[in-house]
Every structure is written in structure tokens, then in C-alpha cells.
Amino acid sequence: MQGRRTAITAQALSENLGVAVRTVYRDVQALVLAGVPIDGEAGVGYRLRSGFDLPPLMFKQEEITALLVGSRMVRAWTDPELARAAKQAEAKILSVLTPEMLNTVSGMPYRIPEFERVEKGIHGLLRKACEARQKILIRYLDMGGQESERTLWPLGMVGWGDHWTLLAWCEMRNAYRNFRFDRIKQVGTLPAHYPFHPARNLAHYLNEEIGIGDKQKPG
């Protein structure tokens, strides 16, 4: 509302923010009770009264560019759920920028096309399995065209620009293994969860196995 000259409907707000219309009604009411001068009219929408400014976030221009580029990379390269969250976060950032900063943002030179990628279909499943420490079963096609079935402990996901890999502890090999998303032919979660292991996690792999970690304690 701060960046608009005309009113915006609750329906439009709900679509932009990815929330229910009743959530918009509730949040607007909370803002009004907090003293934010929002005018509303049935059939027209909401409008922030002129002369009112929300406290600005103190971003430098390069910080804004970094945040927006990161947001759009998430939208282009990860799963739909994270993409929606990134879009919502971007809308919140843009809503508190000054007109001058918005004008500069509109000319930002970065563009990240959102192509359809086969691996997007499994990205969310693998992400949630990593977060929940849930074992998965996959059918995988290696570089030589050999197909195998693996039970894995999904530990982390690594983006390489043109592709993603899953770092996992492979029960069949009893070792770390990396699996390209685009070579995973089938994946499903298993009921079992794997325990935390100090020598079987993403931080341990990066620090001790390949020496590119930040030396933070694994968690």
C-alpha cells in the first residue's frame, strides 16, 4: 500500500502475499489498531493515507540488489513452495523502499529466467527429507548408465549453477555419496528417520572430507 497511489483490494493483497483474504482483513485491522492510517471502502479497497511513512529498512543499494537476485534465484532454481516464500519476501522488501530506490531496482541488470526443470518436482521432497532427517529410497542412474536402488540419509543439497546434487550417506556403500537431481529416476520417503551422527552430516563432509567448510560445529 505504501508504494501505491490508488486503493488495492483485499483480494489483490491476498494474491500478492499468498495468504487468505480473511488473513488480509485481520492484518489490516491489526495495523489500524496500531495507529497506521489505512482507509478502506467496500468495493474499492484499502489505501494508506498520504503523508504516512513506515520506518524504512536501512538497506544499501547493493544489499537490495543482492537480496532481490537471491530471491529470484530461489524462484528459478528451487521448489514451488520456496519460490512462493521468496516472492512474498520480495514483496515485503519492495514495500518499504523509497521511490528513488524502487526506480533503481526497476533497472536492475540481473534477470534469472524461470525455466521448467525436471528436478523441480523432487526438490521440495528432498529438502523436507533433509530437514526432517528422514530416510529416502531412490532409483538412480549413474554416469555409465547403470541403474541402482539406494537407501539414503539425505544430508544436504548443493547447487552448482547448472545442476543440483544431493549429499547423502549411502547405506549400501556405507559412505558419503553425491547424487545429481536429474539422474534420480524415482524417489520416495521411508518411515524411518536417521539419527544425528557427528561424522555423517553436511558440515562434517564440507570441513573434513573436502576441506571447503566454514569450520563451524556440525548441527
C-alpha atoms as a PDB file:
ATOM      1  CA  MET A   1       0.000   0.000   0.000  1.00  0.00           C
ATOM      2  CA  GLN A   2       2.847   2.374   0.719  1.00  0.00           C
ATOM      3  CA  GLY A   3       4.079   2.181  -2.862  1.00  0.00           C
ATOM      4  CA  ARG A   4       0.647   2.743  -4.462  1.00  0.00           C
ATOM      5  CA  ARG A   5      -1.290   5.877  -5.334  1.00  0.00           C
ATOM      6  CA  THR A   6      -4.594   4.074  -5.719  1.00  0.00           C
ATOM      7  CA  ALA A   7      -6.511   1.685  -3.497  1.00  0.00           C
ATOM      8  CA  ILE A   8      -5.879  -2.047  -3.590  1.00  0.00           C
ATOM      9  CA  THR A   9      -8.491  -4.696  -2.845  1.00  0.00           C
ATOM     10  CA  ALA A  10      -8.195  -7.355  -0.167  1.00  0.00           C
ATOM     11  CA  GLN A  11      -8.371  -9.973  -2.919  1.00  0.00           C
ATOM     12  CA  ALA A  12      -5.397  -8.428  -4.740  1.00  0.00           C
ATOM     13  CA  LEU A  13      -3.431  -8.223  -1.497  1.00  0.00           C
ATOM     14  CA  SER A  14      -4.154 -11.865  -0.709  1.00  0.00           C
ATOM     15  CA  GLU A  15      -2.964 -12.955  -4.169  1.00  0.00           C
ATOM     16  CA  ASN A  16       0.217 -10.863  -3.974  1.00  0.00           C
ATOM     17  CA  LEU A  17       1.099 -12.103  -0.490  1.00  0.00           C
ATOM     18  CA  GLY A  18      -0.093 -15.692  -0.929  1.00  0.00           C
ATOM     19  CA  VAL A  19      -2.461 -15.624   2.050  1.00  0.00           C
ATOM     20  CA  ALA A  20      -6.211 -15.974   2.571  1.00  0.00           C
ATOM     21  CA  VAL A  21      -8.456 -12.905   2.197  1.00  0.00           C
ATOM     22  CA  ARG A  22      -9.530 -13.250   5.826  1.00  0.00           C
ATOM     23  CA  THR A  23      -5.861 -13.007   6.827  1.00  0.00           C
ATOM     24  CA  VAL A  24      -5.670  -9.684   4.975  1.00  0.00           C
ATOM     25  CA  TYR A  25      -8.753  -8.423   6.818  1.00  0.00           C
ATOM     26  CA  ARG A  26      -7.259  -9.452  10.157  1.00  0.00           C
ATOM     27  CA  ASP A  27      -3.834  -7.934   9.465  1.00  0.00           C
ATOM     28  CA  VAL A  28      -5.265  -4.652   8.189  1.00  0.00           C
ATOM     29  CA  GLN A  29      -7.406  -4.403  11.304  1.00  0.00           C
ATOM     30  CA  ALA A  30      -4.314  -5.007  13.462  1.00  0.00           C
ATOM     31  CA  LEU A  31      -2.445  -2.233  11.625  1.00  0.00           C
ATOM     32  CA  VAL A  32      -5.355   0.185  12.086  1.00  0.00           C
ATOM     33  CA  LEU A  33      -5.479  -0.605  15.808  1.00  0.00           C
ATOM     34  CA  ALA A  34      -1.714   0.039  15.946  1.00  0.00           C
ATOM     35  CA  GLY A  35      -2.268   3.524  14.565  1.00  0.00           C
ATOM     36  CA  VAL A  36      -1.467   3.038  10.882  1.00  0.00           C
ATOM     37  CA  PRO A  37      -3.848   5.318   8.902  1.00  0.00           C
ATOM     38  CA  ILE A  38      -5.400   2.885   6.441  1.00  0.00           C
ATOM     39  CA  ASP A  39      -8.655   3.892   4.774  1.00  0.00           C
ATOM     40  CA  GLY A  40     -10.951   1.166   3.495  1.00  0.00           C
ATOM     41  CA  GLU A  41     -14.090   1.246   1.411  1.00  0.00           C
ATOM     42  CA  ALA A  42     -16.249  -1.705   0.357  1.00  0.00           C
ATOM     43  CA  GLY A  43     -15.872  -2.440  -3.333  1.00  0.00           C
ATOM     44  CA  VAL A  44     -12.867  -0.104  -3.651  1.00  0.00           C
ATOM     45  CA  GLY A  45     -10.194  -1.466  -1.358  1.00  0.00           C
ATOM     46  CA  TYR A  46      -7.585  -0.181   1.053  1.00  0.00           C
ATOM     47  CA  ARG A  47      -5.363   2.860   0.778  1.00  0.00           C
ATOM     48  CA  LEU A  48      -2.616   4.153   3.037  1.00  0.00           C
ATOM     49  CA  ARG A  49      -3.303   7.794   3.860  1.00  0.00           C
ATOM     50  CA  SER A  50      -0.833  10.185   2.227  1.00  0.00           C
ATOM     51  CA  GLY A  51       1.906  11.618   4.411  1.00  0.00           C
ATOM     52  CA  PHE A  52       2.392   8.448   6.450  1.00  0.00           C
ATOM     53  CA  ASP A  53       5.688   6.570   6.196  1.00  0.00           C
ATOM     54  CA  LEU A  54       6.548   3.260   7.778  1.00  0.00           C
ATOM     55  CA  PRO A  55      10.018   3.172   9.329  1.00  0.00           C
ATOM     56  CA  PRO A  56      12.359   2.302   6.456  1.00  0.00           C
ATOM     57  CA  LEU A  57      14.722  -0.644   6.447  1.00  0.00           C
ATOM     58  CA  MET A  58      18.244   0.707   6.199  1.00  0.00           C
ATOM     59  CA  PHE A  59      19.410  -1.176   3.118  1.00  0.00           C
ATOM     60  CA  LYS A  60      22.229  -0.052   0.882  1.00  0.00           C
ATOM     61  CA  GLN A  61      21.559  -0.285  -2.846  1.00  0.00           C
ATOM     62  CA  GLU A  62      23.964  -3.212  -3.233  1.00  0.00           C
ATOM     63  CA  GLU A  63      22.205  -5.020  -0.389  1.00  0.00           C
ATOM     64  CA  ILE A  64      18.846  -4.602  -2.093  1.00  0.00           C
ATOM     65  CA  THR A  65      20.283  -5.928  -5.347  1.00  0.00           C
ATOM     66  CA  ALA A  66      21.820  -8.907  -3.540  1.00  0.00           C
ATOM     67  CA  LEU A  67      18.532  -9.750  -1.805  1.00  0.00           C
ATOM     68  CA  LEU A  68      16.474  -9.481  -4.988  1.00  0.00           C
ATOM     69  CA  VAL A  69      18.935 -11.514  -7.064  1.00  0.00           C
ATOM     70  CA  GLY A  70      18.950 -14.176  -4.350  1.00  0.00           C
ATOM     71  CA  SER A  71      15.167 -14.186  -4.195  1.00  0.00           C
ATOM     72  CA  ARG A  72      14.847 -14.645  -7.940  1.00  0.00           C
ATOM     73  CA  MET A  73      17.431 -17.424  -7.990  1.00  0.00           C
ATOM     74  CA  VAL A  74      15.354 -19.230  -5.364  1.00  0.00           C
ATOM     75  CA  ARG A  75      12.242 -18.759  -7.505  1.00  0.00           C
ATOM     76  CA  ALA A  76      14.017 -20.087 -10.599  1.00  0.00           C
ATOM     77  CA  TRP A  77      16.032 -22.971  -9.161  1.00  0.00           C
ATOM     78  CA  THR A  78      14.205 -24.444  -6.181  1.00  0.00           C
ATOM     79  CA  ASP A  79      10.791 -25.922  -5.435  1.00  0.00           C
ATOM     80  CA  PRO A  80       7.420 -24.154  -5.802  1.00  0.00           C
ATOM     81  CA  GLU A  81       6.901 -23.776  -2.049  1.00  0.00           C
ATOM     82  CA  LEU A  82      10.210 -21.967  -1.555  1.00  0.00           C
ATOM     83  CA  ALA A  83       9.546 -19.953  -4.715  1.00  0.00           C
ATOM     84  CA  ARG A  84       6.269 -18.656  -3.230  1.00  0.00           C
ATOM     85  CA  ALA A  85       8.039 -17.781   0.023  1.00  0.00           C
ATOM     86  CA  ALA A  86      10.736 -15.896  -1.901  1.00  0.00           C
ATOM     87  CA  LYS A  87       8.105 -13.950  -3.832  1.00  0.00           C
ATOM     88  CA  GLN A  88       6.343 -12.979  -0.607  1.00  0.00           C
ATOM     89  CA  ALA A  89       9.630 -11.888   0.991  1.00  0.00           C
ATOM     90  CA  GLU A  90      10.464  -9.820  -2.100  1.00  0.00           C
ATOM     91  CA  ALA A  91       7.097  -8.060  -1.910  1.00  0.00           C
ATOM     92  CA  LYS A  92       7.793  -7.127   1.719  1.00  0.00           C
ATOM     93  CA  ILE A  93      11.210  -5.723   0.818  1.00  0.00           C
ATOM     94  CA  LEU A  94       9.873  -3.676  -2.093  1.00  0.00           C
ATOM     95  CA  SER A  95       7.054  -2.275   0.017  1.00  0.00           C
ATOM     96  CA  VAL A  96       9.449  -0.368   2.296  1.00  0.00           C
ATOM     97  CA  LEU A  97      11.807   1.063  -0.325  1.00  0.00           C
ATOM     98  CA  THR A  98      11.867   4.760  -1.166  1.00  0.00           C
ATOM     99  CA  PRO A  99      10.647   5.842  -4.631  1.00  0.00           C
ATOM    100  CA  GLU A 100      14.253   6.507  -5.622  1.00  0.00           C
ATOM    101  CA  MET A 101      15.343   3.002  -4.673  1.00  0.00           C
ATOM    102  CA  LEU A 102      12.343   1.465  -6.433  1.00  0.00           C
ATOM    103  CA  ASN A 103      13.320   3.353  -9.577  1.00  0.00           C
ATOM    104  CA  THR A 104      16.850   1.977  -9.362  1.00  0.00           C
ATOM    105  CA  VAL A 105      15.560  -1.552  -8.734  1.00  0.00           C
ATOM    106  CA  SER A 106      13.422  -1.380 -11.878  1.00  0.00           C
ATOM    107  CA  GLY A 107      16.628  -1.011 -13.900  1.00  0.00           C
ATOM    108  CA  MET A 108      18.451  -3.863 -12.158  1.00  0.00           C
ATOM    109  CA  PRO A 109      20.589  -5.635 -14.797  1.00  0.00           C
ATOM    110  CA  TYR A 110      20.064  -9.150 -13.474  1.00  0.00           C
ATOM    111  CA  ARG A 111      17.492 -11.495 -14.990  1.00  0.00           C
ATOM    112  CA  ILE A 112      17.031 -15.105 -13.888  1.00  0.00           C
ATOM    113  CA  PRO A 113      14.651 -16.957 -16.260  1.00  0.00           C
ATOM    114  CA  GLU A 114      12.302 -19.414 -14.571  1.00  0.00           C
ATOM    115  CA  PHE A 115      12.622 -22.429 -16.880  1.00  0.00           C
ATOM    116  CA  GLU A 116      10.742 -25.618 -16.221  1.00  0.00           C
ATOM    117  CA  ARG A 117      13.206 -28.150 -14.802  1.00  0.00           C
ATOM    118  CA  VAL A 118      12.528 -31.832 -14.264  1.00  0.00           C
ATOM    119  CA  GLU A 119      14.317 -31.796 -10.905  1.00  0.00           C
ATOM    120  CA  LYS A 120      11.961 -29.130  -9.520  1.00  0.00           C
ATOM    121  CA  GLY A 121       9.473 -31.919  -8.972  1.00  0.00           C
ATOM    122  CA  ILE A 122      11.686 -33.618  -6.378  1.00  0.00           C
ATOM    123  CA  HIS A 123      13.428 -30.561  -4.927  1.00  0.00           C
ATOM    124  CA  GLY A 124      10.823 -29.942  -2.229  1.00  0.00           C
ATOM    125  CA  LEU A 125      10.658 -33.604  -1.227  1.00  0.00           C
ATOM    126  CA  LEU A 126      14.444 -33.811  -0.851  1.00  0.00           C
ATOM    127  CA  ARG A 127      14.608 -30.514   1.048  1.00  0.00           C
ATOM    128  CA  LYS A 128      11.999 -31.641   3.555  1.00  0.00           C
ATOM    129  CA  ALA A 129      13.657 -35.046   3.934  1.00  0.00           C
ATOM    130  CA  CYS A 130      16.948 -33.297   4.777  1.00  0.00           C
ATOM    131  CA  GLU A 131      15.214 -31.035   7.292  1.00  0.00           C
ATOM    132  CA  ALA A 132      13.371 -33.945   8.948  1.00  0.00           C
ATOM    133  CA  ARG A 133      16.347 -36.372   8.794  1.00  0.00           C
ATOM    134  CA  GLN A 134      14.043 -38.811   7.040  1.00  0.00           C
ATOM    135  CA  LYS A 135      15.463 -41.726   5.099  1.00  0.00           C
ATOM    136  CA  ILE A 136      14.638 -41.973   1.398  1.00  0.00           C
ATOM    137  CA  LEU A 137      14.706 -44.698  -1.215  1.00  0.00           C
ATOM    138  CA  ILE A 138      15.807 -43.754  -4.735  1.00  0.00           C
ATOM    139  CA  ARG A 139      16.380 -45.327  -8.126  1.00  0.00           C
ATOM    140  CA  TYR A 140      19.483 -43.706  -9.586  1.00  0.00           C
ATOM    141  CA  LEU A 141      21.153 -43.737 -12.986  1.00  0.00           C
ATOM    142  CA  ASP A 142      24.914 -43.161 -12.802  1.00  0.00           C
ATOM    143  CA  MET A 143      27.210 -41.659 -15.452  1.00  0.00           C
ATOM    144  CA  GLY A 144      27.769 -45.078 -17.012  1.00  0.00           C
ATOM    145  CA  GLY A 145      24.061 -45.736 -17.433  1.00  0.00           C
ATOM    146  CA  GLN A 146      23.935 -48.247 -14.564  1.00  0.00           C
ATOM    147  CA  GLU A 147      20.760 -48.099 -12.508  1.00  0.00           C
ATOM    148  CA  SER A 148      20.693 -48.921  -8.809  1.00  0.00           C
ATOM    149  CA  GLU A 149      18.385 -48.657  -5.821  1.00  0.00           C
ATOM    150  CA  ARG A 150      19.735 -46.890  -2.735  1.00  0.00           C
ATOM    151  CA  THR A 151      18.547 -46.221   0.795  1.00  0.00           C
ATOM    152  CA  LEU A 152      19.958 -42.836   1.772  1.00  0.00           C
ATOM    153  CA  TRP A 153      20.318 -40.454   4.662  1.00  0.00           C
ATOM    154  CA  PRO A 154      19.729 -37.103   2.895  1.00  0.00           C
ATOM    155  CA  LEU A 155      22.157 -34.638   4.469  1.00  0.00           C
ATOM    156  CA  GLY A 156      22.154 -31.552   2.244  1.00  0.00           C
ATOM    157  CA  MET A 157      21.614 -30.080  -1.201  1.00  0.00           C
ATOM    158  CA  VAL A 158      24.364 -28.374  -3.183  1.00  0.00           C
ATOM    159  CA  GLY A 159      23.699 -26.012  -6.099  1.00  0.00           C
ATOM    160  CA  TRP A 160      26.319 -25.982  -8.844  1.00  0.00           C
ATOM    161  CA  GLY A 161      24.742 -23.363 -11.089  1.00  0.00           C
ATOM    162  CA  ASP A 162      23.610 -25.687 -13.865  1.00  0.00           C
ATOM    163  CA  HIS A 163      22.518 -28.572 -11.617  1.00  0.00           C
ATOM    164  CA  TRP A 164      21.804 -29.656  -8.040  1.00  0.00           C
ATOM    165  CA  THR A 165      23.272 -32.602  -6.145  1.00  0.00           C
ATOM    166  CA  LEU A 166      22.073 -34.368  -3.034  1.00  0.00           C
ATOM    167  CA  LEU A 167      24.754 -35.171  -0.482  1.00  0.00           C
ATOM    168  CA  ALA A 168      23.729 -38.313   1.359  1.00  0.00           C
ATOM    169  CA  TRP A 169      25.043 -41.159   3.449  1.00  0.00           C
ATOM    170  CA  CYS A 170      24.504 -44.260   1.343  1.00  0.00           C
ATOM    171  CA  GLU A 171      23.623 -47.357   3.372  1.00  0.00           C
ATOM    172  CA  MET A 172      24.665 -49.658   0.513  1.00  0.00           C
ATOM    173  CA  ARG A 173      28.175 -48.135   0.254  1.00  0.00           C
ATOM    174  CA  ASN A 174      28.389 -47.130   3.937  1.00  0.00           C
ATOM    175  CA  ALA A 175      29.902 -43.832   2.791  1.00  0.00           C
ATOM    176  CA  TYR A 176      29.118 -40.324   1.583  1.00  0.00           C
ATOM    177  CA  ARG A 177      27.802 -40.144  -1.950  1.00  0.00           C
ATOM    178  CA  ASN A 178      26.554 -37.306  -4.178  1.00  0.00           C
ATOM    179  CA  PHE A 179      23.548 -37.764  -6.441  1.00  0.00           C
ATOM    180  CA  ARG A 180      22.563 -35.436  -9.263  1.00  0.00           C
ATOM    181  CA  PHE A 181      18.893 -34.490  -9.087  1.00  0.00           C
ATOM    182  CA  ASP A 182      18.455 -35.001 -12.835  1.00  0.00           C
ATOM    183  CA  ARG A 183      19.655 -38.625 -12.594  1.00  0.00           C
ATOM    184  CA  ILE A 184      17.264 -39.583  -9.811  1.00  0.00           C
ATOM    185  CA  LYS A 185      14.592 -41.582 -11.627  1.00  0.00           C
ATOM    186  CA  GLN A 186      12.354 -42.260  -8.659  1.00  0.00           C
ATOM    187  CA  VAL A 187      12.332 -41.155  -5.037  1.00  0.00           C
ATOM    188  CA  GLY A 188      10.175 -41.790  -2.015  1.00  0.00           C
ATOM    189  CA  THR A 189      10.403 -41.162   1.717  1.00  0.00           C
ATOM    190  CA  LEU A 190      10.677 -44.044   4.169  1.00  0.00           C
ATOM    191  CA  PRO A 191       9.032 -44.203   7.613  1.00  0.00           C
ATOM    192  CA  ALA A 192      12.406 -44.368   9.366  1.00  0.00           C
ATOM    193  CA  HIS A 193      14.368 -41.328  10.481  1.00  0.00           C
ATOM    194  CA  TYR A 194      18.129 -41.368  10.826  1.00  0.00           C
ATOM    195  CA  PRO A 195      19.859 -40.107  13.993  1.00  0.00           C
ATOM    196  CA  PHE A 196      22.291 -37.232  14.157  1.00  0.00           C
ATOM    197  CA  HIS A 197      25.816 -38.556  13.679  1.00  0.00           C
ATOM    198  CA  PRO A 198      28.871 -36.301  14.269  1.00  0.00           C
ATOM    199  CA  ALA A 199      30.676 -37.839  11.270  1.00  0.00           C
ATOM    200  CA  ARG A 200      27.717 -38.084   8.918  1.00  0.00           C
ATOM    201  CA  ASN A 201      26.400 -34.608   8.196  1.00  0.00           C
ATOM    202  CA  LEU A 202      26.824 -31.769   5.726  1.00  0.00           C
ATOM    203  CA  ALA A 203      29.202 -29.667   7.838  1.00  0.00           C
ATOM    204  CA  HIS A 204      31.449 -32.684   8.527  1.00  0.00           C
ATOM    205  CA  TYR A 205      31.567 -33.536   4.829  1.00  0.00           C
ATOM    206  CA  LEU A 206      32.488 -29.991   3.781  1.00  0.00           C
ATOM    207  CA  ASN A 207      35.039 -29.489   6.571  1.00  0.00           C
ATOM    208  CA  GLU A 208      36.690 -32.879   6.848  1.00  0.00           C
ATOM    209  CA  GLU A 209      36.140 -34.660   3.543  1.00  0.00           C
ATOM    210  CA  ILE A 210      36.757 -31.896   1.004  1.00  0.00           C
ATOM    211  CA  GLY A 211      38.069 -29.022   3.121  1.00  0.00           C
ATOM    212  CA  ILE A 212      35.829 -26.187   1.971  1.00  0.00           C
ATOM    213  CA  GLY A 213      33.603 -25.730   5.008  1.00  0.00           C
ATOM    214  CA  ASP A 214      33.426 -22.826   7.435  1.00  0.00           C
ATOM    215  CA  LYS A 215      34.769 -24.878  10.347  1.00  0.00           C
ATOM    216  CA  GLN A 216      31.589 -24.398  12.326  1.00  0.00           C
ATOM    217  CA  LYS A 217      30.458 -27.211  14.545  1.00  0.00           C
ATOM    218  CA  PRO A 218      28.100 -29.595  12.712  1.00  0.00           C
ATOM    219  CA  GLY A 219      24.454 -29.345  13.649  1.00  0.00           C
END
